[in-house]
Amino acid sequence: MRPGPRTVFIDDRATYQTVQGFGAAWTDSAAYLLHEVAGPRTRERAMHALFTREDGGIGLSFMRIPMGASDIARSRYEQGVADFLHVLDAQGNKLAESSAQLRVK
């Protein structure tokens, strides 16, 4: 292929796959900063900017959480989840201080 400008033709009538949404990675460091460091107003603005398309938000649909080593982790991992994270149920009730307190039987 020779260097130089290229022309891209888009046929908006052709569909090859459906996009379900867009996502990003959510590290324990990011969760810590939003939950423990940022104030309520800053946290609300960050969530709004991440998960809505209003006011220039990027409209994320999905979040991926690394379940192993991460180069920007706050602490050493235990059983794939950082110890400082609170384990919550679907209603937001705290089940344990860390994954180490929950054991699969």
Protein backbone atom coordinates (compact mmCIF):
# COMPACT_ATOMS: atom_id res chain seq x y z
CA MET A 1 0.00 0.00 0.00
CA ARG A 2 1.38 3.37 -0.96
CA PRO A 3 1.42 6.25 1.52
CA GLY A 4 -1.07 9.05 1.06
CA PRO A 5 -4.68 9.96 1.71
CA ARG A 6 -7.33 7.25 1.59
CA THR A 7 -11.04 7.46 0.87
CA VAL A 8 -13.47 5.53 3.07
CA PHE A 9 -16.96 4.84 1.73
CA ILE A 10 -19.72 4.19 4.27
CA ASP A 11 -23.01 2.61 3.28
CA ASP A 12 -25.35 3.33 6.19
CA ARG A 13 -27.91 0.90 4.73
CA ALA A 14 -25.62 -2.09 5.32
CA THR A 15 -25.55 -3.66 8.80
CA TYR A 16 -22.92 -6.22 9.74
CA GLN A 17 -23.36 -6.41 13.48
CA THR A 18 -25.34 -4.70 16.21
CA VAL A 19 -23.49 -2.69 18.82
CA GLN A 20 -24.80 -3.42 22.32
CA GLY A 21 -22.88 -0.60 23.96
CA PHE A 22 -19.43 0.60 24.89
CA GLY A 23 -17.45 0.02 28.05
CA ALA A 24 -14.23 0.57 29.92
CA ALA A 25 -12.13 -1.03 32.65
CA TRP A 26 -12.85 -0.14 36.27
CA THR A 27 -9.79 -0.72 38.45
CA ASP A 28 -9.71 -0.92 42.22
CA SER A 29 -7.68 2.30 42.20
CA ALA A 30 -10.43 4.15 40.31
CA ALA A 31 -13.09 2.74 42.64
CA TYR A 32 -11.08 3.79 45.68
CA LEU A 33 -10.60 7.34 44.42
CA LEU A 34 -14.29 7.78 43.65
CA HIS A 35 -15.56 6.15 46.84
CA GLU A 36 -13.00 7.26 49.43
CA VAL A 37 -11.27 10.39 48.08
CA ALA A 38 -13.76 12.27 45.90
CA GLY A 39 -16.52 14.21 47.57
CA PRO A 40 -20.19 13.46 46.85
CA ARG A 41 -20.55 16.23 44.24
CA THR A 42 -17.39 15.20 42.38
CA ARG A 43 -18.45 11.54 42.47
CA GLU A 44 -21.90 12.41 41.09
CA ARG A 45 -20.37 14.47 38.27
CA ALA A 46 -17.95 11.66 37.40
CA MET A 47 -20.76 9.08 37.25
CA HIS A 48 -22.86 11.42 35.14
CA ALA A 49 -19.95 12.02 32.74
CA LEU A 50 -19.24 8.30 32.45
CA PHE A 51 -22.72 6.79 32.15
CA THR A 52 -24.88 9.38 30.38
CA ARG A 53 -24.71 11.14 27.04
CA GLU A 54 -25.94 14.40 28.59
CA ASP A 55 -23.67 17.44 28.82
CA GLY A 56 -20.82 15.78 26.91
CA GLY A 57 -20.95 12.48 28.85
CA ILE A 58 -19.44 9.46 27.09
CA GLY A 59 -22.41 7.13 27.73
CA LEU A 60 -20.71 3.92 28.86
CA SER A 61 -22.93 0.85 28.95
CA PHE A 62 -20.58 -1.72 30.49
CA MET A 63 -17.74 -1.82 32.98
CA ARG A 64 -15.06 -4.50 33.14
CA ILE A 65 -13.41 -5.21 36.47
CA PRO A 66 -9.97 -6.87 36.37
CA MET A 67 -10.14 -9.99 38.56
CA GLY A 68 -6.42 -10.52 38.86
CA ALA A 69 -3.22 -8.57 38.82
CA SER A 70 -3.39 -4.97 37.69
CA ASP A 71 -0.49 -2.60 37.22
CA ILE A 72 -2.43 0.14 39.02
CA ALA A 73 -3.79 -1.80 41.98
CA ARG A 74 -3.75 -0.22 45.43
CA SER A 75 -2.78 -3.38 47.25
CA ARG A 76 -1.92 -7.03 46.77
CA TYR A 77 -4.73 -9.17 45.48
CA GLU A 78 -6.33 -11.99 47.43
CA GLN A 79 -8.55 -14.46 45.61
CA GLY A 80 -8.68 -12.10 42.63
CA VAL A 81 -10.35 -9.16 44.42
CA ALA A 82 -8.63 -6.33 46.27
CA ASP A 83 -9.03 -6.62 50.05
CA PHE A 84 -10.24 -3.06 50.61
CA LEU A 85 -13.38 -3.52 48.52
CA HIS A 86 -16.61 -4.00 50.41
CA VAL A 87 -18.67 -6.94 49.20
CA LEU A 88 -22.25 -5.81 48.64
CA ASP A 89 -25.44 -7.59 47.69
CA ALA A 90 -27.76 -6.36 44.91
CA GLN A 91 -29.48 -3.92 47.30
CA GLY A 92 -26.18 -2.39 48.42
CA ASN A 93 -26.05 -4.05 51.86
CA LYS A 94 -22.55 -4.84 53.09
CA LEU A 95 -21.95 -8.58 53.25
CA ALA A 96 -18.27 -8.47 54.18
CA GLU A 97 -15.32 -6.11 54.41
CA SER A 98 -13.42 -8.10 51.78
CA SER A 99 -13.64 -11.15 49.56
CA ALA A 100 -11.43 -13.02 52.03
CA GLN A 101 -14.35 -13.10 54.48
CA LEU A 102 -16.55 -14.90 51.93
CA ARG A 103 -15.65 -18.52 51.28
CA VAL A 104 -17.22 -20.83 48.74
CA LYS A 105 -18.37 -23.98 50.52
